[in-house]
């Protein structure tokens, strides 16, 4: 089963994403802070995709993305955030993200983007 890390500090949004990923056949790993996400990735090196929120307590999603890319070039990274300004999208892609999805989003679109990675 393919593993997907879901980094989202809002539990209701995280649960919604996890439920839909599990319905699509993914093993979803949950994290609510950047530090926790990095630890979960160390514990699960076979994770294939990371969904990263940007606005988080502690280190933000951009920094998590940078740290992941510093050690892992194969994992797919999708920024999943309410920040929809062009500069935010450019920053996300320049820090190593493969895709950028803005909230609100449809579960079908998110699953398709995860499948594509």
N, C-alpha and C. Protein backbone atom coordinates (compact mmCIF):
# COMPACT_ATOMS: atom_id res chain seq x y z
N UNK A 1 0.84 -1.18 0.00
CA UNK A 1 0.00 0.00 0.00
C UNK A 1 0.89 1.25 0.00
N UNK A 2 0.54 2.22 -0.82
CA UNK A 2 1.31 3.45 -0.92
C UNK A 2 1.00 4.37 0.25
N UNK A 3 2.06 4.94 0.83
CA UNK A 3 1.91 5.80 1.99
C UNK A 3 1.92 7.27 1.59
N UNK A 4 1.00 8.02 2.19
CA UNK A 4 0.91 9.46 1.96
C UNK A 4 0.94 10.15 3.32
N UNK A 5 1.85 11.08 3.48
CA UNK A 5 1.90 11.90 4.69
C UNK A 5 0.96 13.08 4.51
N UNK A 6 0.11 13.33 5.52
CA UNK A 6 -0.81 14.46 5.48
C UNK A 6 -0.43 15.39 6.63
N UNK A 7 0.16 16.53 6.28
CA UNK A 7 0.54 17.54 7.26
C UNK A 7 -0.49 18.66 7.21
N UNK A 8 -1.34 18.69 8.22
CA UNK A 8 -2.41 19.69 8.32
C UNK A 8 -2.69 19.91 9.79
N UNK A 9 -2.64 21.17 10.25
CA UNK A 9 -2.85 21.43 11.67
C UNK A 9 -4.32 21.47 12.08
N UNK A 10 -5.23 21.66 11.15
CA UNK A 10 -6.66 21.66 11.47
C UNK A 10 -7.18 20.23 11.40
N UNK A 11 -7.58 19.70 12.54
CA UNK A 11 -7.94 18.27 12.62
C UNK A 11 -9.11 17.90 11.71
N UNK A 12 -10.10 18.79 11.56
CA UNK A 12 -11.26 18.44 10.72
C UNK A 12 -10.84 18.32 9.25
N UNK A 13 -9.98 19.21 8.78
CA UNK A 13 -9.51 19.14 7.40
C UNK A 13 -8.62 17.91 7.22
N UNK A 14 -7.73 17.67 8.19
CA UNK A 14 -6.84 16.51 8.12
C UNK A 14 -7.65 15.21 8.07
N UNK A 15 -8.67 15.11 8.90
CA UNK A 15 -9.51 13.90 8.92
C UNK A 15 -10.22 13.70 7.58
N UNK A 16 -10.73 14.78 7.01
CA UNK A 16 -11.40 14.73 5.71
C UNK A 16 -10.45 14.20 4.63
N UNK A 17 -9.23 14.71 4.61
CA UNK A 17 -8.24 14.28 3.63
C UNK A 17 -7.88 12.81 3.84
N UNK A 18 -7.62 12.44 5.09
CA UNK A 18 -7.22 11.07 5.41
C UNK A 18 -8.32 10.07 5.02
N UNK A 19 -9.56 10.38 5.34
CA UNK A 19 -10.68 9.49 4.99
C UNK A 19 -10.72 9.26 3.49
N UNK A 20 -10.59 10.33 2.73
CA UNK A 20 -10.67 10.20 1.27
C UNK A 20 -9.47 9.46 0.69
N UNK A 21 -8.29 9.68 1.25
CA UNK A 21 -7.12 8.94 0.78
C UNK A 21 -7.25 7.46 1.09
N UNK A 22 -7.73 7.13 2.27
CA UNK A 22 -7.91 5.72 2.64
C UNK A 22 -8.96 5.05 1.76
N UNK A 23 -10.02 5.76 1.43
CA UNK A 23 -11.03 5.21 0.51
C UNK A 23 -10.43 4.93 -0.87
N UNK A 24 -9.42 5.71 -1.25
CA UNK A 24 -8.77 5.54 -2.55
C UNK A 24 -7.65 4.49 -2.49
N UNK A 25 -7.45 3.89 -1.31
CA UNK A 25 -6.48 2.81 -1.20
C UNK A 25 -5.10 3.20 -0.69
N UNK A 26 -4.98 4.40 -0.16
CA UNK A 26 -3.70 4.85 0.37
C UNK A 26 -3.61 4.60 1.87
N UNK A 27 -2.40 4.45 2.35
CA UNK A 27 -2.11 4.39 3.79
C UNK A 27 -1.73 5.81 4.19
N UNK A 28 -2.62 6.50 4.90
CA UNK A 28 -2.39 7.90 5.26
C UNK A 28 -1.73 8.00 6.63
N UNK A 29 -0.67 8.79 6.69
CA UNK A 29 0.05 9.06 7.93
C UNK A 29 -0.23 10.51 8.29
N UNK A 30 -0.67 10.74 9.52
CA UNK A 30 -1.09 12.08 9.92
C UNK A 30 -0.05 12.81 10.75
N UNK A 31 0.07 14.12 10.50
CA UNK A 31 0.92 14.99 11.31
C UNK A 31 0.24 16.35 11.42
N UNK A 32 0.37 16.98 12.60
CA UNK A 32 -0.26 18.29 12.78
C UNK A 32 0.74 19.42 12.92
N UNK A 33 2.04 19.11 12.89
CA UNK A 33 3.06 20.16 12.92
C UNK A 33 4.19 19.75 11.98
N UNK A 34 4.97 20.74 11.59
CA UNK A 34 6.09 20.46 10.70
C UNK A 34 7.10 19.52 11.33
N UNK A 35 7.37 19.73 12.61
CA UNK A 35 8.33 18.88 13.31
C UNK A 35 7.83 17.43 13.36
N UNK A 36 6.54 17.26 13.63
CA UNK A 36 5.96 15.91 13.67
C UNK A 36 6.02 15.26 12.29
N UNK A 37 5.77 16.04 11.24
CA UNK A 37 5.81 15.51 9.88
C UNK A 37 7.19 14.98 9.54
N UNK A 38 8.22 15.74 9.88
CA UNK A 38 9.59 15.30 9.59
C UNK A 38 9.93 14.02 10.35
N UNK A 39 9.47 13.92 11.59
CA UNK A 39 9.69 12.71 12.38
C UNK A 39 8.95 11.51 11.76
N UNK A 40 7.72 11.72 11.34
CA UNK A 40 6.93 10.63 10.72
C UNK A 40 7.60 10.16 9.42
N UNK A 41 8.19 11.08 8.68
CA UNK A 41 8.90 10.68 7.45
C UNK A 41 10.13 9.85 7.78
N UNK A 42 10.84 10.20 8.85
CA UNK A 42 11.99 9.40 9.27
C UNK A 42 11.55 8.00 9.68
N UNK A 43 10.40 7.90 10.32
CA UNK A 43 9.86 6.61 10.76
C UNK A 43 9.27 5.80 9.60
N UNK A 44 8.90 6.47 8.52
CA UNK A 44 8.25 5.82 7.36
C UNK A 44 8.98 6.20 6.08
N UNK A 45 10.18 5.69 5.87
CA UNK A 45 10.97 6.08 4.69
C UNK A 45 10.36 5.64 3.36
N UNK A 46 9.36 4.76 3.40
CA UNK A 46 8.71 4.31 2.18
C UNK A 46 7.51 5.18 1.78
N UNK A 47 7.35 6.34 2.43
CA UNK A 47 6.29 7.28 2.07
C UNK A 47 6.55 7.79 0.66
N UNK A 48 5.50 7.77 -0.18
CA UNK A 48 5.69 8.16 -1.58
C UNK A 48 5.25 9.58 -1.90
N UNK A 49 4.30 10.13 -1.10
CA UNK A 49 3.80 11.48 -1.35
C UNK A 49 3.60 12.18 -0.01
N UNK A 50 3.90 13.49 0.02
CA UNK A 50 3.65 14.31 1.20
C UNK A 50 2.73 15.46 0.80
N UNK A 51 1.64 15.61 1.53
CA UNK A 51 0.73 16.75 1.37
C UNK A 51 1.03 17.72 2.50
N UNK A 52 1.45 18.92 2.15
CA UNK A 52 1.92 19.87 3.16
C UNK A 52 1.08 21.15 3.18
N UNK A 53 0.49 21.43 4.33
CA UNK A 53 -0.14 22.74 4.54
C UNK A 53 1.01 23.74 4.73
N UNK A 54 0.78 25.00 4.48
CA UNK A 54 1.84 26.01 4.63
C UNK A 54 1.78 26.67 6.00
N UNK A 55 0.60 27.15 6.38
CA UNK A 55 0.47 27.90 7.63
C UNK A 55 0.31 26.93 8.80
N UNK A 56 1.38 26.78 9.56
CA UNK A 56 1.44 25.81 10.65
C UNK A 56 2.07 26.42 11.88
N UNK A 57 1.78 25.85 13.05
CA UNK A 57 2.53 26.27 14.24
C UNK A 57 3.97 25.76 14.11
N UNK A 58 4.94 26.49 14.63
CA UNK A 58 6.34 26.05 14.50
C UNK A 58 6.84 26.30 13.09
N UNK A 59 7.55 25.35 12.54
CA UNK A 59 8.08 25.54 11.18
C UNK A 59 6.95 25.41 10.17
N UNK A 60 6.98 26.25 9.14
CA UNK A 60 5.90 26.25 8.16
C UNK A 60 6.12 25.20 7.08
N UNK A 61 5.12 25.04 6.23
CA UNK A 61 5.17 24.04 5.17
C UNK A 61 6.28 24.27 4.16
N UNK A 62 6.63 25.53 3.89
CA UNK A 62 7.75 25.81 2.98
C UNK A 62 9.04 25.23 3.54
N UNK A 63 9.28 25.43 4.82
CA UNK A 63 10.50 24.91 5.45
C UNK A 63 10.49 23.39 5.52
N UNK A 64 9.34 22.80 5.78
CA UNK A 64 9.24 21.34 5.76
C UNK A 64 9.59 20.82 4.38
N UNK A 65 9.07 21.48 3.35
CA UNK A 65 9.37 21.09 1.97
C UNK A 65 10.87 21.17 1.71
N UNK A 66 11.50 22.27 2.11
CA UNK A 66 12.96 22.43 1.92
C UNK A 66 13.73 21.30 2.60
N UNK A 67 13.34 20.98 3.82
CA UNK A 67 14.06 19.94 4.58
C UNK A 67 13.86 18.56 3.96
N UNK A 68 12.65 18.29 3.47
CA UNK A 68 12.42 17.01 2.81
C UNK A 68 13.28 16.92 1.56
N UNK A 69 13.26 17.98 0.75
CA UNK A 69 14.02 17.96 -0.51
C UNK A 69 15.54 17.87 -0.29
N UNK A 70 16.02 18.34 0.84
CA UNK A 70 17.45 18.27 1.14
C UNK A 70 17.92 16.83 1.29
N UNK A 71 17.00 15.93 1.63
CA UNK A 71 17.40 14.53 1.86
C UNK A 71 16.67 13.54 0.97
N UNK A 72 15.61 13.96 0.27
CA UNK A 72 14.81 13.02 -0.51
C UNK A 72 14.31 13.70 -1.78
N UNK A 73 14.85 13.30 -2.90
CA UNK A 73 14.42 13.89 -4.17
C UNK A 73 13.34 13.06 -4.86
N UNK A 74 13.05 11.88 -4.33
CA UNK A 74 12.08 11.00 -4.99
C UNK A 74 10.64 11.17 -4.51
N UNK A 75 10.45 11.61 -3.28
CA UNK A 75 9.09 11.74 -2.76
C UNK A 75 8.33 12.84 -3.50
N UNK A 76 7.05 12.59 -3.78
CA UNK A 76 6.21 13.62 -4.38
C UNK A 76 5.71 14.57 -3.31
N UNK A 77 5.74 15.85 -3.58
CA UNK A 77 5.29 16.84 -2.59
C UNK A 77 4.22 17.73 -3.22
N UNK A 78 3.08 17.80 -2.52
CA UNK A 78 1.99 18.67 -2.94
C UNK A 78 1.72 19.66 -1.80
N UNK A 79 1.82 20.94 -2.11
CA UNK A 79 1.45 21.97 -1.13
C UNK A 79 -0.08 22.06 -1.18
N UNK A 80 -0.71 22.01 -0.01
CA UNK A 80 -2.16 22.01 0.09
C UNK A 80 -2.54 23.11 1.07
N UNK A 81 -3.00 24.25 0.54
CA UNK A 81 -3.10 25.42 1.40
C UNK A 81 -4.18 26.40 0.95
N UNK A 82 -4.57 27.26 1.86
CA UNK A 82 -5.52 28.33 1.54
C UNK A 82 -4.81 29.51 0.88
N UNK A 83 -3.50 29.53 0.93
CA UNK A 83 -2.74 30.66 0.35
C UNK A 83 -2.71 30.50 -1.17
N UNK A 84 -3.42 31.40 -1.84
CA UNK A 84 -3.59 31.25 -3.29
C UNK A 84 -2.91 32.34 -4.11
N UNK A 85 -2.13 33.20 -3.48
CA UNK A 85 -1.43 34.24 -4.22
C UNK A 85 -0.35 33.62 -5.11
N UNK A 86 -0.12 34.24 -6.25
CA UNK A 86 0.87 33.72 -7.19
C UNK A 86 2.24 33.55 -6.53
N UNK A 87 2.65 34.50 -5.71
CA UNK A 87 3.96 34.42 -5.07
C UNK A 87 4.07 33.21 -4.14
N UNK A 88 2.97 32.87 -3.45
CA UNK A 88 2.97 31.68 -2.60
C UNK A 88 3.16 30.42 -3.44
N UNK A 89 2.46 30.37 -4.58
CA UNK A 89 2.60 29.21 -5.47
C UNK A 89 4.02 29.09 -5.99
N UNK A 90 4.58 30.21 -6.42
CA UNK A 90 5.95 30.22 -6.93
C UNK A 90 6.92 29.79 -5.83
N UNK A 91 6.75 30.31 -4.63
CA UNK A 91 7.62 29.95 -3.51
C UNK A 91 7.52 28.45 -3.23
N UNK A 92 6.32 27.91 -3.20
CA UNK A 92 6.14 26.48 -2.97
C UNK A 92 6.84 25.64 -4.01
N UNK A 93 6.68 26.00 -5.25
CA UNK A 93 7.32 25.24 -6.33
C UNK A 93 8.84 25.41 -6.31
N UNK A 94 9.31 26.60 -5.97
CA UNK A 94 10.76 26.84 -5.92
C UNK A 94 11.43 26.14 -4.73
N UNK A 95 10.67 25.85 -3.68
CA UNK A 95 11.26 25.16 -2.53
C UNK A 95 11.28 23.65 -2.74
N UNK A 96 10.69 23.18 -3.84
CA UNK A 96 10.77 21.75 -4.15
C UNK A 96 9.46 21.03 -4.31
N UNK A 97 8.34 21.72 -4.17
CA UNK A 97 7.05 21.05 -4.35
C UNK A 97 6.84 20.68 -5.81
N UNK A 98 6.13 19.58 -6.03
CA UNK A 98 5.80 19.13 -7.38
C UNK A 98 4.46 19.68 -7.85
N UNK A 99 3.61 20.06 -6.90
CA UNK A 99 2.28 20.55 -7.24
C UNK A 99 1.80 21.47 -6.13
N UNK A 100 0.75 22.24 -6.40
CA UNK A 100 0.22 23.22 -5.45
C UNK A 100 -1.28 23.23 -5.60
N UNK A 101 -2.00 22.87 -4.55
CA UNK A 101 -3.46 22.82 -4.57
C UNK A 101 -3.99 23.80 -3.54
N UNK A 102 -4.94 24.64 -3.94
CA UNK A 102 -5.51 25.61 -3.01
C UNK A 102 -6.84 25.11 -2.45
N UNK A 103 -7.09 25.47 -1.19
CA UNK A 103 -8.36 25.16 -0.53
C UNK A 103 -9.37 26.22 -0.94
N UNK A 104 -10.61 25.86 -1.12
CA UNK A 104 -11.16 24.51 -1.04
C UNK A 104 -10.82 23.70 -2.28
N UNK A 105 -10.81 22.40 -2.14
CA UNK A 105 -10.48 21.49 -3.23
C UNK A 105 -11.45 20.32 -3.19
N UNK A 106 -11.57 19.61 -4.28
CA UNK A 106 -12.44 18.43 -4.29
C UNK A 106 -11.60 17.19 -3.96
N UNK A 107 -12.17 16.24 -3.25
CA UNK A 107 -11.43 15.01 -2.94
C UNK A 107 -10.98 14.28 -4.20
N UNK A 108 -11.81 14.30 -5.23
CA UNK A 108 -11.45 13.60 -6.48
C UNK A 108 -10.22 14.25 -7.12
N UNK A 109 -10.18 15.58 -7.12
CA UNK A 109 -9.01 16.27 -7.69
C UNK A 109 -7.75 15.97 -6.89
N UNK A 110 -7.86 16.01 -5.57
CA UNK A 110 -6.68 15.74 -4.74
C UNK A 110 -6.19 14.32 -4.96
N UNK A 111 -7.09 13.36 -4.98
CA UNK A 111 -6.69 11.96 -5.21
C UNK A 111 -6.04 11.81 -6.59
N UNK A 112 -6.57 12.47 -7.59
CA UNK A 112 -5.97 12.41 -8.93
C UNK A 112 -4.56 12.98 -8.93
N UNK A 113 -4.35 14.05 -8.22
CA UNK A 113 -3.01 14.65 -8.15
C UNK A 113 -2.04 13.75 -7.40
N UNK A 114 -2.50 13.11 -6.34
CA UNK A 114 -1.66 12.15 -5.61
C UNK A 114 -1.34 10.98 -6.53
N UNK A 115 -2.34 10.47 -7.25
CA UNK A 115 -2.12 9.36 -8.19
C UNK A 115 -1.08 9.74 -9.25
N UNK A 116 -1.13 10.98 -9.70
CA UNK A 116 -0.21 11.43 -10.76
C UNK A 116 1.25 11.43 -10.29
N UNK A 117 1.46 11.62 -8.99
CA UNK A 117 2.83 11.62 -8.46
C UNK A 117 3.26 10.20 -8.15
